[in-house]
Amino acid sequence: MPQPTATIFCPVTAPPERNLLVLSADGTAVGGVTRATLSLTAELRSRGWSVETVYSASIDAARLTAWAGSRGVEVKVSDNWLNPLSGRVRNALGLVRHVRASQATIVNLHYGGSHVPLKDVLAVRLAGRKRCVVTLHAPNPWAETGQARKMMTALASRLCAGVVPVCGAVAEIVGDAGVATDKTFVIPGGVAAPGAVPSREEARTALGISADAFVVGSVARLSPEKGIPYLVDAVADLLPGETPPPFLLIKGDRSSEWETVTELARKRLPGRSLILEADADNELVFAASDIFVLPSLLEGYPLVLMEAAFRGLPCVATHVGSVDDLVVEGETGFVVHPGSAAELSSAIERLRSDERLRAAMSENALKRATSEFTESLMADRYERVFLAAAGR
């Protein structure tokens, strides 16, 4: 029997507040959903699968395809179908035509939320494909998404071979909608283990940061939902004392809060902050940092927390999105309430003042990342779901 094929369809046209973008090392703006599907594509292809990966129209399709190409993955972009914001018949018919043309035996739909669009699943079935697996990447409560989508998710799931929440928080939401447990397969996203990385000394020398500073690192868009001003205030409120002086290192981009954040950092942390633009290397930030902080007010499934864990960095993050699934409170870092500079500052100070705690959390973070969040393990889990759907 020939090896099954999988077609991955992934929408990247979510509204701004749900378009959870991160920055790749080459500065191309891609979201967590995009990165996860590209990793999955590369892993399955390396295992002999025939995978066609297609995205709905992105903000910059040329940069998306170029970034995918840099990873050795060829993708396609379509602008007239699989738009989760549109109920238009034209979109559904476009999806039907594409699925039929693909001749895939398995269709894997990815969404940056927690509801399953019924029209898309129906389109897959109308195209003659019974093996449809839907992946949901963010825990959006039904109070936000609406009862209609909750009902549609329950109906759509009955037509799916499987529903894949990326974390327990998403699984709880789809379970509340009535998605059957025997169709639910939790598969965390996976990230690549770091290759050659600079040493701490090399990174700090390259960035002009003192060797004895306590460096708080962050990689995030400088836009309102990331809460970076709270982080600036949190670090500024730390007193030098007898411990190393705190230094804030951020890699961001020129989003809507660039001027606000840079000006705030200049005023509150004169000589003790550095904000890098999007073309800077993430590895310099990770290598130069003592801890990693993501102070978001809104998140989906932030892969950057896993990337930080792979570099052995204790993390401080906020109770939003899937963060509680990625940072184990008191073991790999601390999770605080969003919008509180005081709580961020307290958590950072605990790690700054306790080197033994920091070392223990560093070890725990790295151990958990390598045992639970690798690209290979993610692909193993998907492969089992896909092969079960195909009856193998």
Protein backbone atom coordinates (compact mmCIF):
# COMPACT_ATOMS: atom_id res chain seq x y z
CA MET A 1 0.00 0.00 0.00
CA PRO A 2 1.52 3.40 -0.95
CA GLN A 3 2.52 5.89 1.71
CA PRO A 4 -0.40 8.29 2.46
CA THR A 5 -0.02 11.92 1.50
CA ALA A 6 -1.04 14.94 3.53
CA THR A 7 -2.12 18.35 2.37
CA ILE A 8 -1.71 21.06 4.99
CA PHE A 9 -3.91 24.11 4.58
CA CYS A 10 -3.14 26.98 6.91
CA PRO A 11 -4.95 30.37 7.14
CA VAL A 12 -2.76 33.37 7.90
CA THR A 13 -5.35 36.12 7.50
CA ALA A 14 -6.61 36.32 11.10
CA PRO A 15 -7.67 39.74 12.46
CA PRO A 16 -4.85 41.82 13.99
CA GLU A 17 -5.66 40.87 17.56
CA ARG A 18 -5.41 37.20 16.68
CA ASN A 19 -2.60 37.41 14.15
CA LEU A 20 -0.02 36.12 16.61
CA LEU A 21 3.19 36.90 14.76
CA VAL A 22 6.70 36.27 15.95
CA LEU A 23 9.95 37.20 14.26
CA SER A 24 12.21 34.65 12.68
CA ALA A 25 15.99 35.04 12.73
CA ASP A 26 16.05 36.51 9.23
CA GLY A 27 13.50 39.16 10.13
CA THR A 28 10.60 37.72 8.14
CA ALA A 29 7.31 38.17 9.97
CA VAL A 30 5.73 34.73 10.37
CA GLY A 31 3.28 33.46 12.93
CA GLY A 32 3.46 30.47 15.20
CA VAL A 33 0.98 28.57 13.03
CA THR A 34 3.15 29.16 9.97
CA ARG A 35 6.30 28.06 11.73
CA ALA A 36 4.69 24.92 13.13
CA THR A 37 3.30 23.83 9.77
CA LEU A 38 6.63 24.46 8.04
CA SER A 39 8.41 22.35 10.66
CA LEU A 40 5.83 19.60 10.27
CA THR A 41 6.15 19.72 6.49
CA ALA A 42 9.94 19.43 6.59
CA GLU A 43 9.87 16.57 9.10
CA LEU A 44 7.25 14.53 7.23
CA ARG A 45 8.99 15.04 3.90
CA SER A 46 12.23 13.79 5.44
CA ARG A 47 10.28 10.63 6.35
CA GLY A 48 9.09 10.01 2.82
CA TRP A 49 5.72 11.72 2.93
CA SER A 50 4.45 13.73 -0.01
CA VAL A 51 3.29 16.97 1.54
CA GLU A 52 1.77 20.00 -0.18
CA THR A 53 1.62 23.02 2.10
CA VAL A 54 -0.66 25.88 1.13
CA TYR A 55 -1.47 29.15 2.88
CA SER A 56 -4.24 31.62 2.33
CA ALA A 57 -3.10 35.12 1.39
CA SER A 58 -0.61 36.55 3.85
CA ILE A 59 0.48 40.12 4.55
CA ASP A 60 3.61 39.49 2.47
CA ALA A 61 3.40 36.29 0.45
CA ALA A 62 6.77 36.83 -1.20
CA ARG A 63 8.56 37.03 2.15
CA LEU A 64 6.63 34.04 3.47
CA THR A 65 7.64 31.83 0.54
CA ALA A 66 11.22 33.11 0.69
CA TRP A 67 11.45 32.31 4.42
CA ALA A 68 10.02 28.85 3.81
CA GLY A 69 12.50 28.37 0.98
CA SER A 70 15.37 29.23 3.30
CA ARG A 71 14.33 26.19 5.32
CA GLY A 72 14.17 24.05 2.22
CA VAL A 73 10.38 23.96 2.18
CA GLU A 74 8.36 24.92 -0.88
CA VAL A 75 4.91 26.32 -0.09
CA LYS A 76 2.02 27.78 -2.03
CA VAL A 77 -0.18 30.78 -1.31
CA SER A 78 -3.83 31.14 -2.35
CA ASP A 79 -5.92 34.29 -1.95
CA ASN A 80 -9.42 33.01 -2.64
CA TRP A 81 -10.15 30.17 -0.25
CA LEU A 82 -9.82 28.89 3.30
CA ASN A 83 -10.42 32.26 4.90
CA PRO A 84 -11.85 31.55 8.37
CA LEU A 85 -13.38 35.03 8.49
CA SER A 86 -15.46 34.50 5.39
CA GLY A 87 -18.56 32.40 4.95
CA ARG A 88 -18.72 33.15 1.26
CA VAL A 89 -19.57 30.25 -1.03
CA ARG A 90 -16.69 31.26 -3.32
CA ASN A 91 -14.18 30.42 -0.60
CA ALA A 92 -15.68 27.00 0.07
CA LEU A 93 -15.85 26.16 -3.64
CA GLY A 94 -12.25 27.22 -4.07
CA LEU A 95 -11.24 24.85 -1.28
CA VAL A 96 -13.24 22.01 -2.84
CA ARG A 97 -11.44 22.49 -6.16
CA HIS A 98 -8.03 22.64 -4.53
CA VAL A 99 -8.54 19.52 -2.43
CA ARG A 100 -9.75 17.59 -5.45
CA ALA A 101 -6.76 18.68 -7.50
CA SER A 102 -4.33 17.70 -4.74
CA GLN A 103 -5.35 14.03 -4.75
CA ALA A 104 -4.24 13.85 -1.14
CA THR A 105 -5.56 11.09 1.07
CA ILE A 106 -5.35 13.19 4.21
CA VAL A 107 -6.17 16.88 4.65
CA ASN A 108 -4.86 18.70 7.70
CA LEU A 109 -6.45 22.10 8.36
CA HIS A 110 -4.70 24.55 10.72
CA TYR A 111 -6.34 27.50 12.49
CA GLY A 112 -4.97 30.15 14.83
CA GLY A 113 -7.92 29.80 17.20
CA SER A 114 -9.95 27.10 18.91
CA HIS A 115 -12.99 26.66 16.70
CA VAL A 116 -13.43 24.41 13.68
CA PRO A 117 -15.05 26.17 10.68
CA LEU A 118 -17.84 23.90 9.47
CA LYS A 119 -17.75 25.27 5.92
CA ASP A 120 -14.13 24.21 5.45
CA VAL A 121 -14.66 20.69 6.77
CA LEU A 122 -17.73 20.35 4.55
CA ALA A 123 -15.66 21.51 1.60
CA VAL A 124 -13.08 18.80 2.29
CA ARG A 125 -15.83 16.19 2.45
CA LEU A 126 -17.46 17.49 -0.72
CA ALA A 127 -14.09 17.09 -2.40
CA GLY A 128 -14.30 13.40 -1.61
CA ARG A 129 -11.86 13.30 1.29
CA LYS A 130 -13.07 11.60 4.46
CA ARG A 131 -9.75 11.83 6.29
CA CYS A 132 -9.70 15.40 7.60
CA VAL A 133 -7.63 16.34 10.65
CA VAL A 134 -8.03 19.83 12.12
CA THR A 135 -5.33 21.50 14.24
CA LEU A 136 -6.23 24.34 16.61
CA HIS A 137 -3.44 26.63 17.80
CA ALA A 138 -4.87 29.05 20.38
CA PRO A 139 -7.22 28.84 23.38
CA ASN A 140 -9.92 31.37 22.54
CA PRO A 141 -12.80 30.99 25.05
CA TRP A 142 -16.33 30.56 23.71
CA ALA A 143 -17.31 33.74 25.54
CA GLU A 144 -15.11 35.53 23.00
CA THR A 145 -15.69 33.47 19.87
CA GLY A 146 -19.45 33.01 20.38
CA GLN A 147 -21.92 30.20 20.91
CA ALA A 148 -22.58 29.83 17.18
CA ARG A 149 -18.95 28.85 16.55
CA LYS A 150 -19.09 26.52 19.53
CA MET A 151 -22.04 24.69 17.96
CA MET A 152 -20.37 24.64 14.52
CA THR A 153 -17.21 23.16 16.09
CA ALA A 154 -19.22 20.31 17.60
CA LEU A 155 -20.91 19.59 14.26
CA ALA A 156 -17.73 19.91 12.22
CA SER A 157 -15.79 17.60 14.53
CA ARG A 158 -18.19 14.78 13.72
CA LEU A 159 -17.01 14.97 10.12
CA CYS A 160 -13.32 14.93 11.10
CA ALA A 161 -10.99 12.00 11.60
CA GLY A 162 -9.32 13.93 14.38
CA VAL A 163 -9.05 17.27 16.15
CA VAL A 164 -5.59 18.31 17.34
CA PRO A 165 -5.39 20.93 20.12
CA VAL A 166 -1.81 22.15 20.64
CA CYS A 167 -2.18 22.22 24.42
CA GLY A 168 -4.41 21.27 27.31
CA ALA A 169 -6.08 24.68 27.40
CA VAL A 170 -7.31 24.27 23.82
CA ALA A 171 -8.35 20.68 24.56
CA GLU A 172 -10.55 21.88 27.43
CA ILE A 173 -12.24 24.40 25.15
CA VAL A 174 -13.03 21.91 22.38
CA GLY A 175 -14.10 19.37 24.99
CA ASP A 176 -16.57 21.91 26.34
CA ALA A 177 -17.98 22.21 22.82
CA GLY A 178 -18.65 18.50 22.78
CA VAL A 179 -15.77 17.27 20.61
CA ALA A 180 -15.40 13.55 21.34
CA THR A 181 -12.39 12.59 23.46
CA ASP A 182 -11.56 9.66 21.15
CA LYS A 183 -11.16 12.18 18.31
CA THR A 184 -9.02 14.59 20.33
CA PHE A 185 -5.23 14.29 20.16
CA VAL A 186 -3.16 16.88 22.02
CA ILE A 187 0.05 17.56 20.09
CA PRO A 188 2.28 20.39 21.33
CA GLY A 189 4.13 22.41 18.74
CA GLY A 190 7.78 21.63 18.23
CA VAL A 191 10.80 23.84 17.65
CA ALA A 192 14.24 23.11 16.28
CA ALA A 193 17.02 22.49 18.76
CA PRO A 194 19.67 25.20 18.51
CA GLY A 195 22.65 24.57 16.30
CA ALA A 196 25.86 26.55 16.61
CA VAL A 197 25.22 29.37 19.07
CA PRO A 198 27.47 32.13 20.39
CA SER A 199 28.84 31.90 23.89
CA ARG A 200 27.60 34.28 26.57
CA GLU A 201 30.86 36.21 26.35
CA GLU A 202 30.73 36.42 22.54
CA ALA A 203 27.10 37.59 22.57
CA ARG A 204 27.66 40.26 25.20
CA THR A 205 30.81 41.51 23.50
CA ALA A 206 28.97 41.74 20.17
CA LEU A 207 26.12 43.68 21.79
CA GLY A 208 28.28 45.85 24.04
CA ILE A 209 26.76 44.53 27.28
CA SER A 210 28.78 44.30 30.47
CA ALA A 211 29.89 40.83 31.51
CA ASP A 212 28.60 41.35 35.09
CA ALA A 213 25.11 42.65 34.17
CA PHE A 214 21.99 40.64 34.93
CA VAL A 215 20.39 40.55 31.47
CA VAL A 216 16.63 40.25 31.07
CA GLY A 217 15.96 39.21 27.47
CA SER A 218 12.79 39.31 25.37
CA VAL A 219 11.87 38.69 21.74
CA ALA A 220 8.50 40.15 20.77
CA ARG A 221 6.72 42.54 18.46
CA LEU A 222 6.58 46.05 19.86
CA SER A 223 2.80 46.18 19.63
CA PRO A 224 0.23 46.72 22.42
CA GLU A 225 -0.73 43.08 23.01
CA LYS A 226 2.86 42.14 23.89
CA GLY A 227 2.91 44.35 27.02
CA ILE A 228 6.53 45.44 26.61
CA PRO A 229 6.08 48.76 28.51
CA TYR A 230 5.25 46.70 31.62
CA LEU A 231 8.56 44.90 31.21
CA VAL A 232 10.47 48.17 30.90
CA ASP A 233 8.86 49.42 34.11
CA ALA A 234 9.49 46.10 35.86
CA VAL A 235 13.22 46.15 35.12
CA ALA A 236 13.49 49.86 35.93
CA ASP A 237 11.95 49.21 39.35
CA LEU A 238 14.71 46.76 40.27
CA LEU A 239 17.34 48.36 42.47
CA PRO A 240 21.00 47.58 41.76
CA GLY A 241 21.65 46.59 45.39
CA GLU A 242 24.36 44.00 45.94
CA THR A 243 23.34 41.89 42.95
CA PRO A 244 24.47 42.58 39.37
CA PRO A 245 22.78 45.62 37.79
CA PRO A 246 19.71 44.71 35.70
CA PHE A 247 19.94 45.25 31.95
CA LEU A 248 17.01 44.94 29.50
CA LEU A 249 17.68 43.40 26.07
CA ILE A 250 14.80 43.31 23.59
CA LYS A 251 14.58 42.21 19.99
CA GLY A 252 11.53 43.80 18.42
CA ASP A 253 10.36 45.38 15.23
CA ARG A 254 9.01 48.75 14.21
CA SER A 255 5.42 47.98 15.09
CA SER A 256 2.97 50.46 16.54
CA GLU A 257 4.71 50.85 19.93
CA TRP A 258 8.31 51.14 18.71
CA GLU A 259 8.67 54.84 19.52
CA THR A 260 6.77 54.51 22.80
CA VAL A 261 8.91 51.63 24.05
CA THR A 262 12.25 53.02 22.92
CA GLU A 263 11.50 56.41 24.51
CA LEU A 264 10.31 54.77 27.75
CA ALA A 265 13.47 52.65 27.89
CA ARG A 266 15.65 55.72 27.35
CA LYS A 267 13.96 57.54 30.22
CA ARG A 268 13.61 54.71 32.74
CA LEU A 269 16.72 52.66 31.92
CA PRO A 270 19.37 55.11 30.73
CA GLY A 271 22.43 53.12 29.71
CA ARG A 272 20.79 49.87 30.87
CA SER A 273 18.74 48.82 27.86
CA LEU A 274 19.20 47.81 24.25
CA ILE A 275 16.42 47.35 21.69
CA LEU A 276 17.42 45.46 18.56
CA GLU A 277 15.49 45.58 15.31
CA ALA A 278 14.00 42.66 13.44
CA ASP A 279 17.12 41.77 11.44
CA ALA A 280 19.12 41.00 14.60
CA ASP A 281 19.88 37.39 15.42
CA ASN A 282 17.66 35.77 18.04
CA GLU A 283 20.61 33.68 19.17
CA LEU A 284 22.48 36.79 20.34
CA VAL A 285 19.54 37.68 22.60
CA PHE A 286 19.23 34.17 24.02
CA ALA A 287 22.98 33.77 24.55
CA ALA A 288 23.42 37.15 26.24
CA SER A 289 20.42 36.73 28.59
CA ASP A 290 20.24 35.34 32.11
CA ILE A 291 16.46 34.92 31.93
CA PHE A 292 13.74 35.38 29.31
CA VAL A 293 10.54 37.38 29.85
CA LEU A 294 7.38 37.50 27.73
CA PRO A 295 4.98 40.04 29.35
CA SER A 296 2.09 39.56 26.90
CA LEU A 297 -1.46 40.75 27.43
CA LEU A 298 -2.66 38.44 24.66
CA GLU A 299 -1.10 35.24 23.30
CA GLY A 300 -1.89 32.08 21.44
CA TYR A 301 0.83 29.44 21.57
CA PRO A 302 4.11 31.39 21.86
CA LEU A 303 6.84 29.20 20.40
CA VAL A 304 9.47 31.69 21.58
CA LEU A 305 9.04 30.38 25.13
CA MET A 306 10.05 26.92 23.96
CA GLU A 307 12.99 28.38 22.05
CA ALA A 308 14.14 30.11 25.22
CA ALA A 309 13.79 26.85 27.17
CA PHE A 310 15.94 25.06 24.58
CA ARG A 311 18.66 27.60 25.44
CA GLY A 312 18.32 26.79 29.14
CA LEU A 313 16.69 30.09 30.06
CA PRO A 314 14.24 30.32 32.97
CA CYS A 315 11.15 32.15 31.75
CA VAL A 316 8.82 34.69 33.29
CA ALA A 317 5.54 35.00 31.40
CA THR A 318 1.88 35.86 31.94
CA HIS A 319 -1.33 33.89 32.42
CA VAL A 320 -2.56 34.30 28.84
CA GLY A 321 -3.18 31.89 25.96
CA SER A 322 -1.25 28.64 26.25
CA VAL A 323 1.53 30.03 28.45
CA ASP A 324 0.62 27.86 31.45
CA ASP A 325 1.22 24.79 29.27
CA LEU A 326 4.69 26.01 28.30
CA VAL A 327 6.06 27.43 31.57
CA VAL A 328 5.77 25.24 34.66
CA GLU A 329 5.27 27.56 37.63
CA GLY A 330 8.12 27.25 40.10
CA GLU A 331 9.97 24.64 38.02
CA THR A 332 10.94 26.19 34.68
CA GLY A 333 9.99 29.77 35.54
CA PHE A 334 7.22 31.94 36.90
CA VAL A 335 3.82 32.86 35.50
CA VAL A 336 2.27 36.15 36.66
CA HIS A 337 -0.87 38.14 35.95
CA PRO A 338 -0.81 40.19 32.75
CA GLY A 339 -0.53 43.96 32.99
CA SER A 340 1.34 43.98 36.30
CA ALA A 341 4.82 45.52 36.29
CA ALA A 342 5.02 44.83 40.04
CA GLU A 343 4.49 41.06 39.62
CA LEU A 344 6.95 40.93 36.73
CA SER A 345 9.52 42.81 38.80
CA SER A 346 9.05 40.49 41.77
CA ALA A 347 9.50 37.36 39.66
CA ILE A 348 12.57 38.78 37.93
CA GLU A 349 14.08 39.76 41.28
CA ARG A 350 13.61 36.24 42.66
CA LEU A 351 15.62 34.86 39.77
CA ARG A 352 18.22 37.63 39.90
CA SER A 353 18.89 37.23 43.62
CA ASP A 354 18.92 33.42 43.73
CA GLU A 355 21.59 31.90 41.50
CA ARG A 356 20.84 28.35 42.67
CA LEU A 357 17.14 28.74 41.80
CA ARG A 358 18.10 30.14 38.42
CA ALA A 359 20.41 27.21 37.72
CA ALA A 360 17.77 24.67 38.75
CA MET A 361 15.13 26.27 36.54
CA SER A 362 17.59 26.43 33.67
CA GLU A 363 18.21 22.69 33.94
CA ASN A 364 14.50 21.93 34.25
CA ALA A 365 13.61 24.10 31.25
CA LEU A 366 16.18 22.46 29.00
CA LYS A 367 15.21 18.96 30.12
CA ARG A 368 11.52 19.60 29.49
CA ALA A 369 12.15 21.21 26.09
CA THR A 370 14.25 18.33 24.82
CA SER A 371 11.83 15.70 26.11
CA GLU A 372 8.52 17.28 25.04
CA PHE A 373 8.89 20.03 22.45
CA THR A 374 11.16 18.84 19.65
CA GLU A 375 10.14 19.02 15.99
CA SER A 376 10.80 15.30 15.68
CA LEU A 377 8.46 14.40 18.54
CA MET A 378 5.75 16.69 17.11
CA ALA A 379 6.05 14.90 13.75
CA ASP A 380 5.97 11.47 15.45
CA ARG A 381 2.67 12.34 17.06
CA TYR A 382 1.15 13.75 13.89
CA GLU A 383 2.33 10.76 11.92
CA ARG A 384 0.49 8.42 14.27
CA VAL A 385 -2.71 10.45 13.92
CA PHE A 386 -2.43 10.65 10.13
CA LEU A 387 -1.69 6.96 9.71
CA ALA A 388 -4.57 6.03 12.01
CA ALA A 389 -6.86 8.28 9.94
CA ALA A 390 -5.66 6.53 6.79
CA GLY A 391 -6.34 3.12 8.34
CA ARG A 392 -2.65 2.14 8.50
